[in-house]
C-alpha atoms as a PDB file:
ATOM      1  CA  UNK A   1     -81.662 -28.995 -31.988  1.00  0.00           C
ATOM      2  CA  UNK A   2     -81.062 -30.061 -28.396  1.00  0.00           C
ATOM      3  CA  UNK A   3     -77.322 -29.566 -28.893  1.00  0.00           C
ATOM      4  CA  UNK A   4     -77.874 -25.989 -30.062  1.00  0.00           C
ATOM      5  CA  UNK A   5     -80.036 -25.292 -27.021  1.00  0.00           C
ATOM      6  CA  UNK A   6     -77.287 -26.612 -24.734  1.00  0.00           C
ATOM      7  CA  UNK A   7     -74.716 -24.382 -26.414  1.00  0.00           C
ATOM      8  CA  UNK A   8     -76.963 -21.311 -26.086  1.00  0.00           C
ATOM      9  CA  UNK A   9     -77.561 -22.083 -22.412  1.00  0.00           C
ATOM     10  CA  UNK A  10     -73.807 -22.393 -21.773  1.00  0.00           C
ATOM     11  CA  UNK A  11     -73.141 -19.091 -23.532  1.00  0.00           C
ATOM     12  CA  UNK A  12     -75.818 -17.392 -21.464  1.00  0.00           C
ATOM     13  CA  UNK A  13     -74.389 -18.824 -18.249  1.00  0.00           C
ATOM     14  CA  UNK A  14     -70.925 -17.647 -19.249  1.00  0.00           C
ATOM     15  CA  UNK A  15     -72.106 -14.093 -19.912  1.00  0.00           C
ATOM     16  CA  UNK A  16     -74.000 -14.022 -16.629  1.00  0.00           C
ATOM     17  CA  UNK A  17     -71.003 -15.381 -14.731  1.00  0.00           C
ATOM     18  CA  UNK A  18     -68.650 -12.787 -16.270  1.00  0.00           C
ATOM     19  CA  UNK A  19     -71.040  -9.971 -15.408  1.00  0.00           C
ATOM     20  CA  UNK A  20     -71.286 -11.223 -11.828  1.00  0.00           C
ATOM     21  CA  UNK A  21     -67.473 -11.471 -11.558  1.00  0.00           C
ATOM     22  CA  UNK A  22     -67.037  -7.895 -12.797  1.00  0.00           C
ATOM     23  CA  UNK A  23     -69.580  -6.585 -10.291  1.00  0.00           C
ATOM     24  CA  UNK A  24     -67.947  -8.520  -7.455  1.00  0.00           C
ATOM     25  CA  UNK A  25     -64.496  -7.321  -8.471  1.00  0.00           C
ATOM     26  CA  UNK A  26     -65.582  -3.671  -8.456  1.00  0.00           C
ATOM     27  CA  UNK A  27     -67.209  -3.973  -5.029  1.00  0.00           C
ATOM     28  CA  UNK A  28     -65.265  -2.821  -1.928  1.00  0.00           C
ATOM     29  CA  UNK A  29     -64.857  -6.415  -0.779  1.00  0.00           C
ATOM     30  CA  UNK A  30     -63.582  -7.488  -4.191  1.00  0.00           C
ATOM     31  CA  UNK A  31     -61.084  -4.635  -4.351  1.00  0.00           C
ATOM     32  CA  UNK A  32     -59.721  -5.523  -0.901  1.00  0.00           C
ATOM     33  CA  UNK A  33     -59.376  -9.168  -1.945  1.00  0.00           C
ATOM     34  CA  UNK A  34     -57.490  -8.192  -5.098  1.00  0.00           C
ATOM     35  CA  UNK A  35     -55.163  -5.903  -3.142  1.00  0.00           C
ATOM     36  CA  UNK A  36     -54.429  -8.710  -0.678  1.00  0.00           C
ATOM     37  CA  UNK A  37     -53.744 -11.188  -3.493  1.00  0.00           C
ATOM     38  CA  UNK A  38     -51.291  -8.824  -5.177  1.00  0.00           C
ATOM     39  CA  UNK A  39     -49.456  -8.152  -1.905  1.00  0.00           C
ATOM     40  CA  UNK A  40     -49.121 -11.882  -1.216  1.00  0.00           C
ATOM     41  CA  UNK A  41     -48.257 -12.768  -4.822  1.00  0.00           C
ATOM     42  CA  UNK A  42     -46.124  -9.921  -6.261  1.00  0.00           C
ATOM     43  CA  UNK A  43     -45.483  -9.845  -9.955  1.00  0.00           C
ATOM     44  CA  UNK A  44     -42.033 -11.423 -10.509  1.00  0.00           C
ATOM     45  CA  UNK A  45     -41.440  -9.147 -13.483  1.00  0.00           C
ATOM     46  CA  UNK A  46     -41.942  -6.062 -11.286  1.00  0.00           C
ATOM     47  CA  UNK A  47     -39.521  -7.177  -8.554  1.00  0.00           C
ATOM     48  CA  UNK A  48     -36.016  -5.663  -8.746  1.00  0.00           C
ATOM     49  CA  UNK A  49     -33.302  -8.079  -9.763  1.00  0.00           C
ATOM     50  CA  UNK A  50     -30.959  -9.171  -6.984  1.00  0.00           C
ATOM     51  CA  UNK A  51     -27.631  -7.335  -7.123  1.00  0.00           C
ATOM     52  CA  UNK A  52     -24.661  -9.523  -8.048  1.00  0.00           C
ATOM     53  CA  UNK A  53     -21.480  -7.644  -7.059  1.00  0.00           C
ATOM     54  CA  UNK A  54     -18.190  -8.205  -8.824  1.00  0.00           C
ATOM     55  CA  UNK A  55     -14.646  -7.154  -7.970  1.00  0.00           C
ATOM     56  CA  UNK A  56     -15.157  -4.047 -10.104  1.00  0.00           C
ATOM     57  CA  UNK A  57     -18.528  -3.073  -8.547  1.00  0.00           C
ATOM     58  CA  UNK A  58     -17.893  -3.564  -4.832  1.00  0.00           C
ATOM     59  CA  UNK A  59     -19.760  -1.392  -2.354  1.00  0.00           C
ATOM     60  CA  UNK A  60     -19.318  -0.808   1.373  1.00  0.00           C
ATOM     61  CA  UNK A  61     -20.891  -3.690   3.256  1.00  0.00           C
ATOM     62  CA  UNK A  62     -20.184  -6.336   0.610  1.00  0.00           C
ATOM     63  CA  UNK A  63     -18.548  -9.507   1.927  1.00  0.00           C
ATOM     64  CA  UNK A  64     -15.597 -11.221   0.243  1.00  0.00           C
ATOM     65  CA  UNK A  65     -14.517 -14.814   0.819  1.00  0.00           C
ATOM     66  CA  UNK A  66     -10.843 -15.388  -0.032  1.00  0.00           C
ATOM     67  CA  UNK A  67      -9.019 -18.551  -1.047  1.00  0.00           C
ATOM     68  CA  UNK A  68      -7.269 -18.770   2.333  1.00  0.00           C
ATOM     69  CA  UNK A  69     -10.560 -19.111   4.186  1.00  0.00           C
ATOM     70  CA  UNK A  70     -10.642 -15.533   5.437  1.00  0.00           C
ATOM     71  CA  UNK A  71     -13.896 -13.626   5.050  1.00  0.00           C
ATOM     72  CA  UNK A  72     -13.928  -9.861   5.243  1.00  0.00           C
ATOM     73  CA  UNK A  73     -16.154  -6.860   4.595  1.00  0.00           C
ATOM     74  CA  UNK A  74     -15.632  -3.861   2.358  1.00  0.00           C
ATOM     75  CA  UNK A  75     -15.479  -0.872   4.697  1.00  0.00           C
ATOM     76  CA  UNK A  76     -14.877   1.976   2.255  1.00  0.00           C
ATOM     77  CA  UNK A  77     -14.527   2.334  -1.493  1.00  0.00           C
ATOM     78  CA  UNK A  78     -12.414   5.215  -2.778  1.00  0.00           C
ATOM     79  CA  UNK A  79     -13.223   6.247  -6.333  1.00  0.00           C
ATOM     80  CA  UNK A  80      -9.951   7.719  -7.566  1.00  0.00           C
ATOM     81  CA  UNK A  81      -9.020   9.844 -10.536  1.00  0.00           C
ATOM     82  CA  UNK A  82      -5.884  11.301 -12.057  1.00  0.00           C
ATOM     83  CA  UNK A  83      -6.077  14.068 -14.644  1.00  0.00           C
ATOM     84  CA  UNK A  84      -3.072  14.541 -16.946  1.00  0.00           C
ATOM     85  CA  UNK A  85      -3.942  17.166 -19.525  1.00  0.00           C
ATOM     86  CA  UNK A  86      -6.835  15.790 -21.559  1.00  0.00           C
ATOM     87  CA  UNK A  87      -6.298  12.246 -20.288  1.00  0.00           C
ATOM     88  CA  UNK A  88      -8.267  11.074 -17.265  1.00  0.00           C
ATOM     89  CA  UNK A  89      -7.591   7.765 -15.528  1.00  0.00           C
ATOM     90  CA  UNK A  90      -9.977   6.265 -12.977  1.00  0.00           C
ATOM     91  CA  UNK A  91      -9.615   3.355 -10.571  1.00  0.00           C
ATOM     92  CA  UNK A  92     -10.898   2.106  -7.208  1.00  0.00           C
ATOM     93  CA  UNK A  93      -9.246   1.392  -3.894  1.00  0.00           C
ATOM     94  CA  UNK A  94     -11.425  -0.951  -1.809  1.00  0.00           C
ATOM     95  CA  UNK A  95     -10.434  -0.766   1.861  1.00  0.00           C
ATOM     96  CA  UNK A  96     -11.233  -4.066   3.558  1.00  0.00           C
ATOM     97  CA  UNK A  97     -11.755  -4.837   7.208  1.00  0.00           C
ATOM     98  CA  UNK A  98      -8.573  -6.268   8.658  1.00  0.00           C
ATOM     99  CA  UNK A  99      -6.220  -4.050   6.671  1.00  0.00           C
ATOM    100  CA  UNK A 100      -6.236  -5.575   3.197  1.00  0.00           C
ATOM    101  CA  UNK A 101      -6.746  -3.346   0.187  1.00  0.00           C
ATOM    102  CA  UNK A 102      -8.087  -4.436  -3.192  1.00  0.00           C
ATOM    103  CA  UNK A 103      -7.267  -2.196  -6.143  1.00  0.00           C
ATOM    104  CA  UNK A 104      -9.271  -2.375  -9.355  1.00  0.00           C
ATOM    105  CA  UNK A 105      -7.736  -0.473 -12.255  1.00  0.00           C
ATOM    106  CA  UNK A 106      -7.774  -0.485 -16.075  1.00  0.00           C
ATOM    107  CA  UNK A 107      -4.339  -2.138 -16.170  1.00  0.00           C
ATOM    108  CA  UNK A 108      -5.267  -4.923 -13.725  1.00  0.00           C
ATOM    109  CA  UNK A 109      -6.411  -5.681 -10.190  1.00  0.00           C
ATOM    110  CA  UNK A 110      -4.045  -6.046  -7.253  1.00  0.00           C
ATOM    111  CA  UNK A 111      -4.608  -7.416  -3.755  1.00  0.00           C
ATOM    112  CA  UNK A 112      -2.451  -5.807  -1.065  1.00  0.00           C
ATOM    113  CA  UNK A 113      -2.562  -7.925   2.119  1.00  0.00           C
ATOM    114  CA  UNK A 114       0.184  -6.087   4.018  1.00  0.00           C
ATOM    115  CA  UNK A 115       1.088  -2.466   4.620  1.00  0.00           C
ATOM    116  CA  UNK A 116       3.313  -0.234   6.739  1.00  0.00           C
ATOM    117  CA  UNK A 117       3.203   3.455   7.638  1.00  0.00           C
ATOM    118  CA  UNK A 118       6.419   5.480   7.325  1.00  0.00           C
ATOM    119  CA  UNK A 119       6.058   8.489   9.600  1.00  0.00           C
ATOM    120  CA  UNK A 120       7.542  11.893   8.920  1.00  0.00           C
ATOM    121  CA  UNK A 121      11.037  12.036  10.326  1.00  0.00           C
ATOM    122  CA  UNK A 122      11.652   8.306   9.971  1.00  0.00           C
ATOM    123  CA  UNK A 123      14.510   6.991   7.842  1.00  0.00           C
ATOM    124  CA  UNK A 124      12.266   5.360   5.188  1.00  0.00           C
ATOM    125  CA  UNK A 125      10.218   8.553   4.885  1.00  0.00           C
ATOM    126  CA  UNK A 126      13.349  10.646   4.344  1.00  0.00           C
ATOM    127  CA  UNK A 127      14.748   8.094   1.911  1.00  0.00           C
ATOM    128  CA  UNK A 128      11.600   8.292  -0.210  1.00  0.00           C
ATOM    129  CA  UNK A 129      10.992  12.055  -0.085  1.00  0.00           C
ATOM    130  CA  UNK A 130      14.515  13.512   0.116  1.00  0.00           C
ATOM    131  CA  UNK A 131      16.221  15.564  -2.596  1.00  0.00           C
ATOM    132  CA  UNK A 132      18.104  13.816  -5.400  1.00  0.00           C
ATOM    133  CA  UNK A 133      21.355  15.048  -3.891  1.00  0.00           C
ATOM    134  CA  UNK A 134      20.668  12.931  -0.811  1.00  0.00           C
ATOM    135  CA  UNK A 135      19.365   9.935  -2.756  1.00  0.00           C
ATOM    136  CA  UNK A 136      15.659  10.739  -2.383  1.00  0.00           C
ATOM    137  CA  UNK A 137      13.894   7.990  -4.322  1.00  0.00           C
ATOM    138  CA  UNK A 138      10.817   9.815  -5.632  1.00  0.00           C
ATOM    139  CA  UNK A 139      12.491  13.058  -6.655  1.00  0.00           C
ATOM    140  CA  UNK A 140      15.360  11.147  -8.271  1.00  0.00           C
ATOM    141  CA  UNK A 141      12.844   9.127 -10.272  1.00  0.00           C
ATOM    142  CA  UNK A 142      10.990  12.248 -11.426  1.00  0.00           C
ATOM    143  CA  UNK A 143      14.268  13.939 -12.408  1.00  0.00           C
ATOM    144  CA  UNK A 144      15.294  10.949 -14.506  1.00  0.00           C
ATOM    145  CA  UNK A 145      11.845  10.813 -16.138  1.00  0.00           C
ATOM    146  CA  UNK A 146      12.214  14.442 -17.188  1.00  0.00           C
ATOM    147  CA  UNK A 147      15.728  13.752 -18.447  1.00  0.00           C
ATOM    148  CA  UNK A 148      14.596  10.654 -20.337  1.00  0.00           C
ATOM    149  CA  UNK A 149      17.122   8.424 -18.574  1.00  0.00           C
ATOM    150  CA  UNK A 150      14.941   6.429 -16.179  1.00  0.00           C
ATOM    151  CA  UNK A 151      14.732   3.492 -18.581  1.00  0.00           C
ATOM    152  CA  UNK A 152      18.486   3.004 -18.683  1.00  0.00           C
ATOM    153  CA  UNK A 153      19.064   4.163 -15.115  1.00  0.00           C
ATOM    154  CA  UNK A 154      16.111   2.886 -13.027  1.00  0.00           C
ATOM    155  CA  UNK A 155      15.407   3.893  -9.443  1.00  0.00           C
ATOM    156  CA  UNK A 156      14.961   1.334  -6.649  1.00  0.00           C
ATOM    157  CA  UNK A 157      13.666   1.307  -3.105  1.00  0.00           C
ATOM    158  CA  UNK A 158      14.760  -1.556  -0.855  1.00  0.00           C
ATOM    159  CA  UNK A 159      12.028  -2.958   1.359  1.00  0.00           C
ATOM    160  CA  UNK A 160      12.107  -6.157   3.418  1.00  0.00           C
ATOM    161  CA  UNK A 161      15.094  -7.447   1.481  1.00  0.00           C
ATOM    162  CA  UNK A 162      13.582  -6.777  -1.951  1.00  0.00           C
ATOM    163  CA  UNK A 163      14.641  -4.249  -4.549  1.00  0.00           C
ATOM    164  CA  UNK A 164      11.403  -2.594  -5.672  1.00  0.00           C
ATOM    165  CA  UNK A 165      11.740  -0.602  -8.883  1.00  0.00           C
ATOM    166  CA  UNK A 166       9.803   2.655  -9.062  1.00  0.00           C
ATOM    167  CA  UNK A 167       7.525   2.585 -12.108  1.00  0.00           C
ATOM    168  CA  UNK A 168       5.381   5.691 -11.804  1.00  0.00           C
ATOM    169  CA  UNK A 169       4.375   8.600  -9.609  1.00  0.00           C
ATOM    170  CA  UNK A 170       1.415  10.955  -9.734  1.00  0.00           C
ATOM    171  CA  UNK A 171      -1.274  12.805  -7.841  1.00  0.00           C
ATOM    172  CA  UNK A 172      -4.886  11.803  -7.373  1.00  0.00           C
ATOM    173  CA  UNK A 173      -8.294  12.839  -6.162  1.00  0.00           C
ATOM    174  CA  UNK A 174     -10.523  10.427  -4.243  1.00  0.00           C
ATOM    175  CA  UNK A 175     -14.239  10.338  -3.464  1.00  0.00           C
ATOM    176  CA  UNK A 176     -15.332   7.880  -0.749  1.00  0.00           C
ATOM    177  CA  UNK A 177     -18.362   5.650  -1.063  1.00  0.00           C
ATOM    178  CA  UNK A 178     -19.659   4.906   2.379  1.00  0.00           C
ATOM    179  CA  UNK A 179     -18.043   6.261   5.537  1.00  0.00           C
ATOM    180  CA  UNK A 180     -14.774   8.164   5.068  1.00  0.00           C
ATOM    181  CA  UNK A 181     -11.679   6.125   5.926  1.00  0.00           C
ATOM    182  CA  UNK A 182     -10.350   6.448   9.465  1.00  0.00           C
ATOM    183  CA  UNK A 183      -6.976   4.730   9.156  1.00  0.00           C
ATOM    184  CA  UNK A 184      -3.783   6.783   9.080  1.00  0.00           C
ATOM    185  CA  UNK A 185      -2.755   8.258   5.722  1.00  0.00           C
ATOM    186  CA  UNK A 186      -6.119   7.308   4.152  1.00  0.00           C
ATOM    187  CA  UNK A 187      -8.010   9.712   6.416  1.00  0.00           C
ATOM    188  CA  UNK A 188      -5.670  12.556   5.427  1.00  0.00           C
ATOM    189  CA  UNK A 189      -6.461  12.463   1.698  1.00  0.00           C
ATOM    190  CA  UNK A 190      -7.081  16.095   0.759  1.00  0.00           C
ATOM    191  CA  UNK A 191      -9.825  17.576  -1.411  1.00  0.00           C
ATOM    192  CA  UNK A 192      -7.063  19.148  -3.527  1.00  0.00           C
ATOM    193  CA  UNK A 193      -5.662  16.338  -5.738  1.00  0.00           C
ATOM    194  CA  UNK A 194      -2.266  18.036  -5.938  1.00  0.00           C
ATOM    195  CA  UNK A 195      -1.772  17.285  -2.233  1.00  0.00           C
ATOM    196  CA  UNK A 196      -2.214  13.525  -2.649  1.00  0.00           C
ATOM    197  CA  UNK A 197       0.731  11.587  -4.080  1.00  0.00           C
ATOM    198  CA  UNK A 198       0.898   7.953  -5.135  1.00  0.00           C
ATOM    199  CA  UNK A 199       3.785   5.907  -6.488  1.00  0.00           C
ATOM    200  CA  UNK A 200       3.969   2.387  -7.883  1.00  0.00           C
ATOM    201  CA  UNK A 201       6.788  -0.122  -7.585  1.00  0.00           C
ATOM    202  CA  UNK A 202       7.394  -3.746  -8.550  1.00  0.00           C
ATOM    203  CA  UNK A 203       9.929  -6.551  -8.354  1.00  0.00           C
ATOM    204  CA  UNK A 204      10.878  -9.299 -10.834  1.00  0.00           C
ATOM    205  CA  UNK A 205       9.074 -11.949  -8.750  1.00  0.00           C
ATOM    206  CA  UNK A 206       5.698 -10.233  -9.298  1.00  0.00           C
ATOM    207  CA  UNK A 207       5.560  -8.303  -6.049  1.00  0.00           C
ATOM    208  CA  UNK A 208       3.624  -5.059  -6.407  1.00  0.00           C
ATOM    209  CA  UNK A 209       4.152  -2.005  -4.239  1.00  0.00           C
ATOM    210  CA  UNK A 210       1.875   1.019  -3.855  1.00  0.00           C
ATOM    211  CA  UNK A 211       2.790   4.124  -1.897  1.00  0.00           C
ATOM    212  CA  UNK A 212       0.234   6.697  -0.694  1.00  0.00           C
ATOM    213  CA  UNK A 213       1.715   9.965   0.560  1.00  0.00           C
ATOM    214  CA  UNK A 214      -0.576  12.412   2.358  1.00  0.00           C
ATOM    215  CA  UNK A 215       0.738  13.379   5.806  1.00  0.00           C
ATOM    216  CA  UNK A 216       2.824  10.250   6.245  1.00  0.00           C
ATOM    217  CA  UNK A 217       3.507   7.510   3.684  1.00  0.00           C
ATOM    218  CA  UNK A 218       1.614   4.232   3.546  1.00  0.00           C
ATOM    219  CA  UNK A 219       3.398   1.478   1.626  1.00  0.00           C
ATOM    220  CA  UNK A 220       1.225  -1.449   0.566  1.00  0.00           C
ATOM    221  CA  UNK A 221       2.713  -4.670  -0.766  1.00  0.00           C
ATOM    222  CA  UNK A 222       0.886  -7.389  -2.693  1.00  0.00           C
ATOM    223  CA  UNK A 223       0.480  -9.287  -5.930  1.00  0.00           C
ATOM    224  CA  UNK A 224      -1.806  -9.141  -8.962  1.00  0.00           C
ATOM    225  CA  UNK A 225      -5.234 -10.602  -8.171  1.00  0.00           C
ATOM    226  CA  UNK A 226      -5.838 -14.044  -9.687  1.00  0.00           C
ATOM    227  CA  UNK A 227      -9.256 -15.434 -10.574  1.00  0.00           C
ATOM    228  CA  UNK A 228      -8.811 -18.147  -7.924  1.00  0.00           C
ATOM    229  CA  UNK A 229      -8.011 -15.670  -5.129  1.00  0.00           C
ATOM    230  CA  UNK A 230     -11.673 -14.887  -4.437  1.00  0.00           C
ATOM    231  CA  UNK A 231     -14.124 -17.716  -3.822  1.00  0.00           C
ATOM    232  CA  UNK A 232     -17.292 -15.640  -3.546  1.00  0.00           C
ATOM    233  CA  UNK A 233     -18.652 -12.111  -3.156  1.00  0.00           C
ATOM    234  CA  UNK A 234     -21.909 -11.476  -1.289  1.00  0.00           C
ATOM    235  CA  UNK A 235     -23.937  -8.249  -1.542  1.00  0.00           C
ATOM    236  CA  UNK A 236     -24.220  -6.193   1.603  1.00  0.00           C
ATOM    237  CA  UNK A 237     -27.172  -4.329   3.018  1.00  0.00           C
ATOM    238  CA  UNK A 238     -25.806  -0.827   2.411  1.00  0.00           C
ATOM    239  CA  UNK A 239     -27.923   1.684   0.535  1.00  0.00           C
ATOM    240  CA  UNK A 240     -27.388   1.923  -3.218  1.00  0.00           C
ATOM    241  CA  UNK A 241     -24.665   4.370  -4.268  1.00  0.00           C
END
């Protein structure tokens, strides 16, 4: 009998305590205390997950640490597109501080650490853009593509002692993420895709070449990106895009 009385007393105390807690919680003081507790102890499930950038999802402001010990920032990301009939191809050109460019594309990623501008009127510019009758590289390549003979009669451009074979040409549109590029050739990319020309080259030793022709021609030279080339990528503080 005494045990039953003890149990009933405990139940009564529990009910009274719960009622007091509910009244205290609904009071102005209780509401302020609960608000303070929530602000100091946010719900982990409600907090946004930290962004983990990859080579394919870089944004302006992200930092990249390379295998050679150089750290650099992504200054601008150009989202590029080429439309050929019903086929649309998309890729990214990530312009890095210091002059490097990292390309991410469906057929592979390429890091271009060096580049050179060929200005209108210069010999390399004329060699690339001249008519086939004068040995113009790009127009000769396009003529042989149309004739179906480029496979048996490839077109080359000599650069720094290497014979770079032209593999493709095309036009592209580009939308910048972050501030528009300010470097020569990049800053002159037009809104009309037909005014922006690119061409790709390579050599047997794995060297990759990329030409961008807007006002002048920018030739970038690099190699396919290897998994070991990048040690780490850190998210920047730029606004989401």
